[in-house]
Amino acid sequence: MDPVDSVSPTVGRVILNDTEVSRTLTRMAHQIVESDPDGPLLLLGIPTRGVPLAHRLAEAMRQVDGRDVAVGQLDVTMYRDDLRGQPTRAVGRTVIPGLTGSGTDTIDGVTVVLVDDVLYSGRTIRAALDALSDLGRPRAVRLAVLVDRGHRQLPIRADHVGKNLPTAAGERVRVRLAESDQVTEVRILPPVTSESSTGESR
C-alpha cells in the first residue's frame, strides 16, 4: 500500500472537494477539446488514479461537444527508473482501445493525452513516454494532470493542469477518487518523519 493512502483521511487539509474536482475536470475538458478539435484522440490514464480521471475527462468532453473519445490505460512499471529500489512493484496492464475513424488500432498518427493525478518529479511521465514509444508513433503527445505540485527533477511540463499547488518538498498530495476510495477530494498532507517514505516519485 502506498504510504500516502495509509494515512488517516482526517489528516491534512482539503484543497479540492468533490464538486471542485468535477468543475476542474470540466474546465480541463474544454481546454483539451479546444487544443485538438479534429482528428483521432486517445486519453491514456496512468494507473492508478490516472485511469478513472481519464474516463471522467472523456465523459466531460462528451458533454462539452458530443465527442466520443477513446480511453485506455498505460502501465509504466517496467519503464520506471526506481525498479532497483522497489523490485517487487506489481506489473499492471496496458490497454489501447480501437480508435473509430483513425483507420488503425495503433497509436500511430493519433493525438495521445496522458492523464495522471499528480505531477511531481516528472519521472513517472518520463517512464510513460518511454512506454508510449514502444507502442507506436503518435501525432502528438500531451499531458493532463489534476494537480501540479512542482519540484520537477526532469524537464517535463503539463499541457493541461487542473490546479497548480505549490508545496514544500516534504509535504504530500493525496488524490482520492470515488471509483477507488469511496470519496473524491484532493488533500495536502504534512511531511512524514525521516524514517518514513513519502511514496511519491511522480
N, C-alpha and C. Protein backbone atom coordinates (compact mmCIF):
# COMPACT_ATOMS: atom_id res chain seq x y z
N MET A 1 0.84 -1.20 0.00
CA MET A 1 0.00 0.00 0.00
C MET A 1 0.87 1.25 0.00
N ASP A 2 0.51 2.23 -0.82
CA ASP A 2 1.20 3.50 -0.84
C ASP A 2 1.10 4.16 0.53
N PRO A 3 2.23 4.62 1.13
CA PRO A 3 2.16 5.27 2.43
C PRO A 3 1.22 6.44 2.48
N VAL A 4 1.05 7.15 1.34
CA VAL A 4 0.12 8.27 1.30
C VAL A 4 -1.30 7.78 1.53
N ASP A 5 -1.65 6.62 0.95
CA ASP A 5 -3.00 6.10 1.08
C ASP A 5 -3.30 5.56 2.46
N SER A 6 -2.25 5.21 3.22
CA SER A 6 -2.45 4.62 4.53
C SER A 6 -2.69 5.65 5.62
N VAL A 7 -2.56 6.94 5.26
CA VAL A 7 -2.75 8.00 6.24
C VAL A 7 -4.23 8.17 6.56
N SER A 8 -4.54 8.52 7.81
CA SER A 8 -5.92 8.76 8.21
C SER A 8 -6.56 9.82 7.31
N PRO A 9 -7.81 9.62 6.88
CA PRO A 9 -8.46 10.56 5.97
C PRO A 9 -8.71 11.94 6.58
N THR A 10 -8.53 12.08 7.89
CA THR A 10 -8.75 13.38 8.52
C THR A 10 -7.47 14.20 8.65
N VAL A 11 -6.32 13.63 8.26
CA VAL A 11 -5.06 14.34 8.36
C VAL A 11 -4.92 15.33 7.21
N GLY A 12 -4.29 16.48 7.48
CA GLY A 12 -4.05 17.46 6.44
C GLY A 12 -5.27 18.33 6.16
N ARG A 13 -5.23 19.02 5.02
CA ARG A 13 -6.35 19.90 4.67
C ARG A 13 -6.79 19.65 3.24
N VAL A 14 -8.08 19.81 3.02
CA VAL A 14 -8.66 19.57 1.70
C VAL A 14 -8.41 20.77 0.80
N ILE A 15 -7.86 20.50 -0.38
CA ILE A 15 -7.60 21.54 -1.38
C ILE A 15 -8.73 21.62 -2.39
N LEU A 16 -9.22 20.45 -2.81
CA LEU A 16 -10.36 20.38 -3.73
C LEU A 16 -11.33 19.34 -3.19
N ASN A 17 -12.60 19.71 -3.13
CA ASN A 17 -13.62 18.72 -2.74
C ASN A 17 -14.24 18.10 -3.99
N ASP A 18 -15.23 17.27 -3.81
CA ASP A 18 -15.84 16.54 -4.93
C ASP A 18 -16.35 17.50 -6.01
N THR A 19 -17.10 18.51 -5.59
CA THR A 19 -17.66 19.47 -6.55
C THR A 19 -16.56 20.22 -7.29
N GLU A 20 -15.53 20.60 -6.57
CA GLU A 20 -14.43 21.36 -7.18
C GLU A 20 -13.62 20.49 -8.14
N VAL A 21 -13.46 19.21 -7.83
CA VAL A 21 -12.77 18.31 -8.75
C VAL A 21 -13.57 18.18 -10.05
N SER A 22 -14.88 18.03 -9.94
CA SER A 22 -15.73 17.92 -11.13
C SER A 22 -15.65 19.19 -11.98
N ARG A 23 -15.70 20.33 -11.31
CA ARG A 23 -15.61 21.61 -12.03
C ARG A 23 -14.25 21.75 -12.72
N THR A 24 -13.21 21.32 -12.04
CA THR A 24 -11.85 21.40 -12.59
C THR A 24 -11.72 20.51 -13.82
N LEU A 25 -12.26 19.30 -13.75
CA LEU A 25 -12.18 18.39 -14.89
C LEU A 25 -12.98 18.91 -16.08
N THR A 26 -14.09 19.56 -15.82
CA THR A 26 -14.87 20.15 -16.92
C THR A 26 -14.06 21.24 -17.62
N ARG A 27 -13.38 22.06 -16.83
CA ARG A 27 -12.53 23.10 -17.42
C ARG A 27 -11.41 22.48 -18.25
N MET A 28 -10.79 21.44 -17.72
CA MET A 28 -9.72 20.77 -18.46
C MET A 28 -10.25 20.15 -19.75
N ALA A 29 -11.46 19.59 -19.69
CA ALA A 29 -12.07 19.00 -20.89
C ALA A 29 -12.25 20.06 -21.98
N HIS A 30 -12.70 21.24 -21.60
CA HIS A 30 -12.82 22.34 -22.56
C HIS A 30 -11.46 22.65 -23.19
N GLN A 31 -10.41 22.69 -22.38
CA GLN A 31 -9.09 23.00 -22.88
C GLN A 31 -8.61 21.95 -23.88
N ILE A 32 -8.84 20.69 -23.57
CA ILE A 32 -8.40 19.61 -24.45
C ILE A 32 -9.14 19.67 -25.78
N VAL A 33 -10.46 19.89 -25.72
CA VAL A 33 -11.26 19.99 -26.94
C VAL A 33 -10.78 21.16 -27.80
N GLU A 34 -10.51 22.29 -27.17
CA GLU A 34 -10.09 23.47 -27.92
C GLU A 34 -8.70 23.29 -28.52
N SER A 35 -7.83 22.52 -27.85
CA SER A 35 -6.47 22.34 -28.35
C SER A 35 -6.40 21.33 -29.48
N ASP A 36 -7.39 20.45 -29.58
CA ASP A 36 -7.39 19.44 -30.64
C ASP A 36 -8.83 19.14 -31.06
N PRO A 37 -9.45 20.05 -31.82
CA PRO A 37 -10.87 19.88 -32.15
C PRO A 37 -11.15 18.78 -33.17
N ASP A 38 -10.13 18.36 -33.95
CA ASP A 38 -10.35 17.38 -35.01
C ASP A 38 -9.34 16.24 -34.89
N GLY A 39 -9.63 15.16 -35.60
CA GLY A 39 -8.70 14.05 -35.67
C GLY A 39 -8.86 13.09 -34.50
N PRO A 40 -8.31 11.87 -34.66
CA PRO A 40 -8.43 10.87 -33.60
C PRO A 40 -7.69 11.30 -32.34
N LEU A 41 -8.32 11.06 -31.20
CA LEU A 41 -7.77 11.46 -29.92
C LEU A 41 -7.91 10.30 -28.95
N LEU A 42 -6.87 10.05 -28.18
CA LEU A 42 -6.86 8.96 -27.21
C LEU A 42 -6.40 9.47 -25.86
N LEU A 43 -7.22 9.23 -24.83
CA LEU A 43 -6.82 9.54 -23.46
C LEU A 43 -6.24 8.27 -22.85
N LEU A 44 -5.01 8.34 -22.36
CA LEU A 44 -4.38 7.20 -21.72
C LEU A 44 -4.12 7.53 -20.25
N GLY A 45 -4.86 6.88 -19.36
CA GLY A 45 -4.66 7.09 -17.94
C GLY A 45 -3.48 6.28 -17.44
N ILE A 46 -2.71 6.89 -16.54
CA ILE A 46 -1.59 6.20 -15.91
C ILE A 46 -2.08 5.66 -14.57
N PRO A 47 -2.06 4.33 -14.39
CA PRO A 47 -2.55 3.76 -13.14
C PRO A 47 -1.79 4.34 -11.94
N THR A 48 -2.46 4.58 -10.78
CA THR A 48 -3.77 4.01 -10.56
C THR A 48 -4.86 5.04 -10.87
N ARG A 49 -4.76 6.22 -10.29
CA ARG A 49 -5.88 7.17 -10.36
C ARG A 49 -5.95 7.95 -11.66
N GLY A 50 -4.92 7.84 -12.48
CA GLY A 50 -5.00 8.46 -13.78
C GLY A 50 -6.03 7.81 -14.68
N VAL A 51 -6.33 6.53 -14.43
CA VAL A 51 -7.30 5.82 -15.27
C VAL A 51 -8.73 6.33 -15.05
N PRO A 52 -9.25 6.38 -13.82
CA PRO A 52 -10.59 6.95 -13.65
C PRO A 52 -10.65 8.43 -14.01
N LEU A 53 -9.56 9.15 -13.83
CA LEU A 53 -9.55 10.56 -14.25
C LEU A 53 -9.69 10.67 -15.77
N ALA A 54 -9.05 9.76 -16.51
CA ALA A 54 -9.18 9.77 -17.97
C ALA A 54 -10.62 9.50 -18.38
N HIS A 55 -11.28 8.57 -17.70
CA HIS A 55 -12.68 8.29 -18.02
C HIS A 55 -13.56 9.49 -17.68
N ARG A 56 -13.28 10.16 -16.59
CA ARG A 56 -14.07 11.35 -16.23
C ARG A 56 -13.86 12.47 -17.25
N LEU A 57 -12.62 12.63 -17.70
CA LEU A 57 -12.35 13.66 -18.72
C LEU A 57 -13.08 13.34 -20.02
N ALA A 58 -13.08 12.07 -20.40
CA ALA A 58 -13.77 11.68 -21.63
C ALA A 58 -15.26 11.97 -21.54
N GLU A 59 -15.86 11.70 -20.40
CA GLU A 59 -17.28 11.98 -20.21
C GLU A 59 -17.53 13.49 -20.24
N ALA A 60 -16.64 14.25 -19.62
CA ALA A 60 -16.79 15.70 -19.65
C ALA A 60 -16.65 16.24 -21.06
N MET A 61 -15.74 15.66 -21.86
CA MET A 61 -15.57 16.09 -23.24
C MET A 61 -16.81 15.75 -24.07
N ARG A 62 -17.43 14.61 -23.78
CA ARG A 62 -18.66 14.24 -24.48
C ARG A 62 -19.76 15.25 -24.20
N GLN A 63 -19.82 15.73 -22.98
CA GLN A 63 -20.84 16.71 -22.62
C GLN A 63 -20.53 18.08 -23.21
N VAL A 64 -19.23 18.37 -23.43
CA VAL A 64 -18.84 19.66 -23.99
C VAL A 64 -19.26 19.78 -25.45
N ASP A 65 -18.90 18.76 -26.25
CA ASP A 65 -19.20 18.88 -27.69
C ASP A 65 -19.72 17.60 -28.32
N GLY A 66 -20.17 16.65 -27.50
CA GLY A 66 -20.73 15.42 -28.03
C GLY A 66 -19.71 14.46 -28.60
N ARG A 67 -18.46 14.71 -28.34
CA ARG A 67 -17.39 13.91 -28.92
C ARG A 67 -17.14 12.66 -28.09
N ASP A 68 -17.11 11.51 -28.75
CA ASP A 68 -16.76 10.26 -28.07
C ASP A 68 -15.26 10.05 -28.19
N VAL A 69 -14.59 10.06 -27.05
CA VAL A 69 -13.14 9.96 -27.02
C VAL A 69 -12.74 8.59 -26.48
N ALA A 70 -11.82 7.94 -27.17
CA ALA A 70 -11.33 6.64 -26.71
C ALA A 70 -10.50 6.80 -25.45
N VAL A 71 -10.64 5.84 -24.53
CA VAL A 71 -9.91 5.87 -23.26
C VAL A 71 -9.21 4.53 -23.06
N GLY A 72 -7.96 4.59 -22.69
CA GLY A 72 -7.20 3.39 -22.37
C GLY A 72 -6.34 3.63 -21.15
N GLN A 73 -5.42 2.72 -20.90
CA GLN A 73 -4.51 2.90 -19.78
C GLN A 73 -3.12 2.43 -20.17
N LEU A 74 -2.11 3.08 -19.59
CA LEU A 74 -0.72 2.83 -19.94
C LEU A 74 0.05 2.46 -18.68
N ASP A 75 0.46 1.19 -18.60
CA ASP A 75 1.26 0.76 -17.47
C ASP A 75 2.72 1.12 -17.72
N VAL A 76 3.36 1.77 -16.75
CA VAL A 76 4.74 2.23 -16.93
C VAL A 76 5.71 1.51 -16.00
N THR A 77 5.25 0.46 -15.34
CA THR A 77 6.04 -0.19 -14.29
C THR A 77 7.44 -0.56 -14.76
N MET A 78 7.54 -1.24 -15.88
CA MET A 78 8.84 -1.74 -16.32
C MET A 78 9.73 -0.66 -16.93
N TYR A 79 9.21 0.55 -17.02
CA TYR A 79 9.99 1.66 -17.58
C TYR A 79 10.46 2.63 -16.50
N ARG A 80 10.09 2.36 -15.25
CA ARG A 80 10.46 3.25 -14.16
C ARG A 80 11.95 3.13 -13.84
N ASP A 81 12.52 4.23 -13.34
CA ASP A 81 13.94 4.20 -13.01
C ASP A 81 14.20 3.88 -11.54
N ASP A 82 13.13 3.47 -10.81
CA ASP A 82 13.31 3.12 -9.40
C ASP A 82 13.05 1.63 -9.16
N LEU A 83 13.09 0.82 -10.22
CA LEU A 83 12.80 -0.61 -10.05
C LEU A 83 13.83 -1.30 -9.16
N ARG A 84 15.07 -0.84 -9.20
CA ARG A 84 16.09 -1.46 -8.35
C ARG A 84 15.76 -1.28 -6.88
N GLY A 85 15.20 -0.11 -6.55
CA GLY A 85 14.85 0.14 -5.17
C GLY A 85 13.54 -0.48 -4.75
N GLN A 86 12.67 -0.80 -5.74
CA GLN A 86 11.37 -1.40 -5.45
C GLN A 86 11.15 -2.57 -6.41
N PRO A 87 11.94 -3.64 -6.29
CA PRO A 87 11.86 -4.74 -7.26
C PRO A 87 10.56 -5.52 -7.21
N THR A 88 9.76 -5.35 -6.15
CA THR A 88 8.52 -6.12 -6.03
C THR A 88 7.31 -5.36 -6.56
N ARG A 89 7.54 -4.21 -7.21
CA ARG A 89 6.43 -3.44 -7.75
C ARG A 89 5.63 -4.28 -8.74
N ALA A 90 4.32 -4.34 -8.57
CA ALA A 90 3.48 -5.18 -9.41
C ALA A 90 3.34 -4.58 -10.81
N VAL A 91 3.37 -5.44 -11.81
CA VAL A 91 3.19 -5.00 -13.19
C VAL A 91 1.70 -4.94 -13.49
N GLY A 92 1.27 -3.85 -14.11
CA GLY A 92 -0.13 -3.67 -14.45
C GLY A 92 -0.39 -3.99 -15.92
N ARG A 93 -1.48 -3.45 -16.43
CA ARG A 93 -1.88 -3.73 -17.81
C ARG A 93 -1.88 -2.45 -18.63
N THR A 94 -1.49 -2.58 -19.89
CA THR A 94 -1.67 -1.50 -20.86
C THR A 94 -2.84 -1.88 -21.76
N VAL A 95 -3.78 -0.95 -21.91
CA VAL A 95 -4.97 -1.20 -22.73
C VAL A 95 -5.08 -0.08 -23.76
N ILE A 96 -4.99 -0.44 -25.03
CA ILE A 96 -5.14 0.52 -26.13
C ILE A 96 -6.41 0.15 -26.90
N PRO A 97 -7.47 0.95 -26.80
CA PRO A 97 -8.72 0.62 -27.49
C PRO A 97 -8.63 0.91 -28.97
N GLY A 98 -9.49 0.29 -29.74
CA GLY A 98 -9.60 0.62 -31.15
C GLY A 98 -10.11 2.04 -31.30
N LEU A 99 -9.60 2.76 -32.28
CA LEU A 99 -9.92 4.17 -32.43
C LEU A 99 -10.81 4.37 -33.66
N THR A 100 -12.06 4.70 -33.42
CA THR A 100 -13.00 4.92 -34.50
C THR A 100 -12.55 6.09 -35.37
N GLY A 101 -12.49 5.86 -36.66
CA GLY A 101 -12.14 6.92 -37.58
C GLY A 101 -10.66 7.11 -37.81
N SER A 102 -9.83 6.37 -37.08
CA SER A 102 -8.39 6.54 -37.25
C SER A 102 -7.85 5.63 -38.34
N GLY A 103 -8.63 4.60 -38.71
CA GLY A 103 -8.16 3.66 -39.71
C GLY A 103 -7.09 2.72 -39.20
N THR A 104 -6.88 2.69 -37.89
CA THR A 104 -5.84 1.85 -37.32
C THR A 104 -6.18 1.51 -35.88
N ASP A 105 -5.61 0.42 -35.40
CA ASP A 105 -5.77 0.05 -34.00
C ASP A 105 -4.52 0.35 -33.20
N THR A 106 -3.63 1.17 -33.76
CA THR A 106 -2.42 1.56 -33.06
C THR A 106 -2.50 3.04 -32.72
N ILE A 107 -1.47 3.54 -32.07
CA ILE A 107 -1.44 4.96 -31.72
C ILE A 107 -0.77 5.79 -32.81
N ASP A 108 -0.34 5.16 -33.90
CA ASP A 108 0.30 5.90 -34.98
C ASP A 108 -0.63 6.98 -35.52
N GLY A 109 -0.15 8.19 -35.58
CA GLY A 109 -0.93 9.29 -36.13
C GLY A 109 -2.03 9.81 -35.24
N VAL A 110 -2.08 9.33 -34.01
CA VAL A 110 -3.14 9.72 -33.08
C VAL A 110 -2.59 10.72 -32.06
N THR A 111 -3.40 11.68 -31.67
CA THR A 111 -3.02 12.57 -30.57
C THR A 111 -3.32 11.86 -29.26
N VAL A 112 -2.29 11.64 -28.46
CA VAL A 112 -2.42 10.94 -27.18
C VAL A 112 -2.33 11.96 -26.05
N VAL A 113 -3.29 11.91 -25.16
CA VAL A 113 -3.25 12.73 -23.95
C VAL A 113 -3.00 11.80 -22.77
N LEU A 114 -1.83 11.91 -22.17
CA LEU A 114 -1.54 11.16 -20.95
C LEU A 114 -2.23 11.84 -19.79
N VAL A 115 -2.86 11.04 -18.93
CA VAL A 115 -3.63 11.59 -17.81
C VAL A 115 -3.10 10.99 -16.51
N ASP A 116 -2.76 11.87 -15.56
CA ASP A 116 -2.31 11.41 -14.26
C ASP A 116 -2.89 12.32 -13.19
N ASP A 117 -2.82 11.86 -11.93
CA ASP A 117 -3.41 12.65 -10.86
C ASP A 117 -2.48 13.75 -10.37
N VAL A 118 -1.21 13.41 -10.07
CA VAL A 118 -0.29 14.40 -9.52
C VAL A 118 1.00 14.40 -10.33
N LEU A 119 1.45 15.58 -10.73
CA LEU A 119 2.75 15.74 -11.38
C LEU A 119 3.72 16.29 -10.35
N TYR A 120 4.80 15.53 -10.14
CA TYR A 120 5.76 15.90 -9.10
C TYR A 120 7.16 15.96 -9.72
N SER A 121 7.94 14.92 -9.59
CA SER A 121 9.32 14.94 -10.11
C SER A 121 9.36 14.88 -11.64
N GLY A 122 8.34 14.27 -12.25
CA GLY A 122 8.33 14.08 -13.70
C GLY A 122 8.82 12.72 -14.12
N ARG A 123 9.27 11.90 -13.17
CA ARG A 123 9.85 10.61 -13.53
C ARG A 123 8.80 9.60 -14.04
N THR A 124 7.60 9.65 -13.48
CA THR A 124 6.55 8.76 -13.97
C THR A 124 6.20 9.10 -15.42
N ILE A 125 6.15 10.38 -15.74
CA ILE A 125 5.82 10.79 -17.10
C ILE A 125 6.94 10.42 -18.06
N ARG A 126 8.19 10.53 -17.62
CA ARG A 126 9.29 10.09 -18.48
C ARG A 126 9.14 8.60 -18.79
N ALA A 127 8.78 7.82 -17.77
CA ALA A 127 8.55 6.39 -18.00
C ALA A 127 7.39 6.17 -18.96
N ALA A 128 6.35 6.99 -18.83
CA ALA A 128 5.19 6.86 -19.72
C ALA A 128 5.58 7.16 -21.16
N LEU A 129 6.41 8.15 -21.38
CA LEU A 129 6.86 8.47 -22.73
C LEU A 129 7.68 7.33 -23.32
N ASP A 130 8.52 6.70 -22.50
CA ASP A 130 9.29 5.55 -22.97
C ASP A 130 8.36 4.40 -23.33
N ALA A 131 7.36 4.15 -22.47
CA ALA A 131 6.40 3.07 -22.75
C ALA A 131 5.63 3.37 -24.03
N LEU A 132 5.26 4.61 -24.22
CA LEU A 132 4.48 5.01 -25.39
C LEU A 132 5.29 4.81 -26.67
N SER A 133 6.58 5.09 -26.61
CA SER A 133 7.42 4.96 -27.81
C SER A 133 7.51 3.52 -28.29
N ASP A 134 7.29 2.56 -27.40
CA ASP A 134 7.30 1.16 -27.81
C ASP A 134 5.99 0.73 -28.46
N LEU A 135 4.96 1.57 -28.36
CA LEU A 135 3.66 1.22 -28.90
C LEU A 135 3.41 1.80 -30.29
N GLY A 136 4.17 2.80 -30.67
CA GLY A 136 3.97 3.42 -31.97
C GLY A 136 4.44 4.86 -31.98
N ARG A 137 4.02 5.58 -33.00
CA ARG A 137 4.45 6.97 -33.17
C ARG A 137 3.21 7.86 -33.26
N PRO A 138 2.77 8.40 -32.12
CA PRO A 138 1.59 9.27 -32.14
C PRO A 138 1.87 10.58 -32.87
N ARG A 139 0.79 11.20 -33.33
CA ARG A 139 0.93 12.51 -33.99
C ARG A 139 1.43 13.55 -33.02
N ALA A 140 0.93 13.49 -31.79
CA ALA A 140 1.35 14.41 -30.74
C ALA A 140 1.05 13.76 -29.40
N VAL A 141 1.80 14.14 -28.38
CA VAL A 141 1.57 13.66 -27.03
C VAL A 141 1.41 14.87 -26.12
N ARG A 142 0.33 14.87 -25.36
CA ARG A 142 0.09 15.96 -24.41
C ARG A 142 -0.09 15.35 -23.03
N LEU A 143 0.00 16.19 -22.02
CA LEU A 143 -0.10 15.72 -20.65
C LEU A 143 -1.16 16.53 -19.90
N ALA A 144 -2.08 15.81 -19.26
CA ALA A 144 -3.12 16.43 -18.44
C ALA A 144 -3.01 15.88 -17.03
N VAL A 145 -2.88 16.77 -16.05
CA VAL A 145 -2.77 16.33 -14.65
C VAL A 145 -3.76 17.13 -13.81
N LEU A 146 -4.32 16.47 -12.83
CA LEU A 146 -5.24 17.15 -11.93
C LEU A 146 -4.51 18.15 -11.06
N VAL A 147 -3.32 17.77 -10.57
CA VAL A 147 -2.55 18.64 -9.67
C VAL A 147 -1.09 18.67 -10.11
N ASP A 148 -0.54 19.87 -10.24
CA ASP A 148 0.90 20.04 -10.44
C ASP A 148 1.46 20.64 -9.16
N ARG A 149 2.26 19.86 -8.44
CA ARG A 149 2.76 20.31 -7.14
C ARG A 149 4.19 20.84 -7.19
N GLY A 150 4.78 20.90 -8.40
CA GLY A 150 6.13 21.43 -8.52
C GLY A 150 7.20 20.42 -8.17
N HIS A 151 8.42 20.92 -7.93
CA HIS A 151 9.58 20.11 -7.55
C HIS A 151 10.02 19.16 -8.66
N ARG A 152 10.02 19.66 -9.89
CA ARG A 152 10.40 18.82 -11.02
C ARG A 152 11.87 18.44 -10.97
N GLN A 153 12.17 17.20 -11.31
CA GLN A 153 13.54 16.72 -11.44
C GLN A 153 13.93 16.50 -12.89
N LEU A 154 12.95 16.57 -13.78
CA LEU A 154 13.17 16.41 -15.21
C LEU A 154 12.43 17.53 -15.95
N PRO A 155 12.87 17.88 -17.16
CA PRO A 155 12.24 18.98 -17.89
C PRO A 155 10.92 18.57 -18.52
N ILE A 156 9.92 18.36 -17.69
CA ILE A 156 8.59 17.92 -18.13
C ILE A 156 7.55 18.91 -17.65
N ARG A 157 6.65 19.29 -18.55
CA ARG A 157 5.62 20.27 -18.22
C ARG A 157 4.27 19.76 -18.70
N ALA A 158 3.24 19.98 -17.90
CA ALA A 158 1.89 19.56 -18.29
C ALA A 158 1.26 20.59 -19.21
N ASP A 159 0.49 20.11 -20.19
CA ASP A 159 -0.24 21.00 -21.10
C ASP A 159 -1.56 21.45 -20.50
N HIS A 160 -2.17 20.58 -19.70
CA HIS A 160 -3.47 20.88 -19.10
C HIS A 160 -3.37 20.56 -17.59
N VAL A 161 -3.53 21.58 -16.77
CA VAL A 161 -3.37 21.43 -15.33
C VAL A 161 -4.65 21.85 -14.63
N GLY A 162 -5.16 20.98 -13.78
CA GLY A 162 -6.35 21.33 -13.02
C GLY A 162 -6.06 22.36 -11.96
N LYS A 163 -4.99 22.13 -11.18
CA LYS A 163 -4.63 23.06 -10.12
C LYS A 163 -3.13 23.05 -9.91
N ASN A 164 -2.52 24.22 -9.96
CA ASN A 164 -1.13 24.36 -9.56
C ASN A 164 -1.09 24.53 -8.05
N LEU A 165 -0.36 23.66 -7.39
CA LEU A 165 -0.37 23.64 -5.93
C LEU A 165 1.06 23.68 -5.41
N PRO A 166 1.58 24.87 -5.13
CA PRO A 166 2.93 24.96 -4.58
C PRO A 166 3.00 24.22 -3.24
N THR A 167 4.00 23.38 -3.08
CA THR A 167 4.14 22.60 -1.87
C THR A 167 5.59 22.62 -1.40
N ALA A 168 5.77 22.33 -0.12
CA ALA A 168 7.11 22.07 0.40
C ALA A 168 7.51 20.67 -0.04
N ALA A 169 8.82 20.45 -0.17
CA ALA A 169 9.29 19.16 -0.67
C ALA A 169 8.83 18.00 0.20
N GLY A 170 8.72 18.21 1.51
CA GLY A 170 8.34 17.12 2.41
C GLY A 170 6.86 16.86 2.47
N GLU A 171 6.05 17.81 2.01
CA GLU A 171 4.61 17.62 2.04
C GLU A 171 4.19 16.58 0.99
N ARG A 172 3.00 16.04 1.17
CA ARG A 172 2.48 15.06 0.24
C ARG A 172 1.10 15.50 -0.25
N VAL A 173 0.78 15.11 -1.47
CA VAL A 173 -0.53 15.41 -2.04
C VAL A 173 -1.25 14.09 -2.26
N ARG A 174 -2.42 13.97 -1.69
CA ARG A 174 -3.21 12.75 -1.85
C ARG A 174 -4.47 13.04 -2.65
N VAL A 175 -4.63 12.35 -3.77
CA VAL A 175 -5.85 12.42 -4.56
C VAL A 175 -6.67 11.18 -4.25
N ARG A 176 -7.92 11.37 -3.88
CA ARG A 176 -8.83 10.26 -3.64
C ARG A 176 -10.00 10.41 -4.59
N LEU A 177 -10.39 9.30 -5.22
CA LEU A 177 -11.49 9.30 -6.18
C LEU A 177 -12.52 8.27 -5.76
N ALA A 178 -13.79 8.60 -5.98
CA ALA A 178 -14.87 7.72 -5.54
C ALA A 178 -14.75 6.33 -6.15
N GLU A 179 -14.20 6.23 -7.36
CA GLU A 179 -14.09 4.94 -8.03
C GLU A 179 -13.24 3.95 -7.23
N SER A 180 -12.26 4.45 -6.50
CA SER A 180 -11.38 3.54 -5.76
C SER A 180 -11.34 3.83 -4.26
N ASP A 181 -11.75 5.02 -3.86
CA ASP A 181 -11.59 5.44 -2.47
C ASP A 181 -12.90 5.81 -1.77
N GLN A 182 -14.03 5.68 -2.48
CA GLN A 182 -15.35 5.98 -1.95
C GLN A 182 -15.57 7.46 -1.64
N VAL A 183 -14.59 8.29 -1.91
CA VAL A 183 -14.74 9.74 -1.73
C VAL A 183 -13.83 10.42 -2.73
N THR A 184 -14.22 11.61 -3.17
CA THR A 184 -13.41 12.37 -4.12
C THR A 184 -12.92 13.65 -3.46
N GLU A 185 -11.61 13.80 -3.42
CA GLU A 185 -11.02 15.01 -2.85
C GLU A 185 -9.53 15.03 -3.17
N VAL A 186 -8.95 16.22 -3.05
CA VAL A 186 -7.50 16.39 -3.08
C VAL A 186 -7.11 16.99 -1.76
N ARG A 187 -6.17 16.34 -1.09
CA ARG A 187 -5.78 16.76 0.25
C ARG A 187 -4.26 16.90 0.30
N ILE A 188 -3.77 17.93 0.98
CA ILE A 188 -2.35 18.08 1.20
C ILE A 188 -2.03 17.61 2.61
N LEU A 189 -1.01 16.78 2.71
CA LEU A 189 -0.65 16.15 3.97
C LEU A 189 0.68 16.70 4.48
N PRO A 190 0.86 16.74 5.79
CA PRO A 190 2.11 17.25 6.35
C PRO A 190 3.27 16.31 6.06
N PRO A 191 4.49 16.79 6.22
CA PRO A 191 5.66 15.92 5.98
C PRO A 191 5.65 14.71 6.89
N VAL A 192 6.21 13.61 6.38
CA VAL A 192 6.36 12.41 7.19
C VAL A 192 7.66 12.51 7.97
N THR A 193 7.83 11.63 8.95
CA THR A 193 9.06 11.60 9.71
C THR A 193 10.18 11.08 8.83
N SER A 194 11.42 11.30 9.27
CA SER A 194 12.58 10.92 8.47
C SER A 194 12.66 9.42 8.25
N GLU A 195 12.03 8.63 9.14
CA GLU A 195 12.07 7.18 9.00
C GLU A 195 11.10 6.67 7.95
N SER A 196 10.16 7.52 7.53
CA SER A 196 9.11 7.08 6.61
C SER A 196 9.43 7.50 5.19
N SER A 197 8.80 6.82 4.27
CA SER A 197 8.92 7.16 2.86
C SER A 197 7.68 7.90 2.42
N THR A 198 7.82 8.88 1.54
CA THR A 198 6.65 9.58 1.04
C THR A 198 5.89 8.75 0.03
N GLY A 199 6.59 7.83 -0.65
CA GLY A 199 5.94 7.02 -1.66
C GLY A 199 5.67 7.79 -2.93
N GLU A 200 6.23 9.01 -3.07
CA GLU A 200 5.95 9.82 -4.23
C GLU A 200 7.21 9.93 -5.08
N SER A 201 7.11 9.56 -6.33
CA SER A 201 8.23 9.74 -7.26
C SER A 201 7.74 10.22 -8.62
N ARG A 202 6.50 10.71 -8.64
CA ARG A 202 5.94 11.17 -9.91
C ARG A 202 6.71 12.37 -10.46
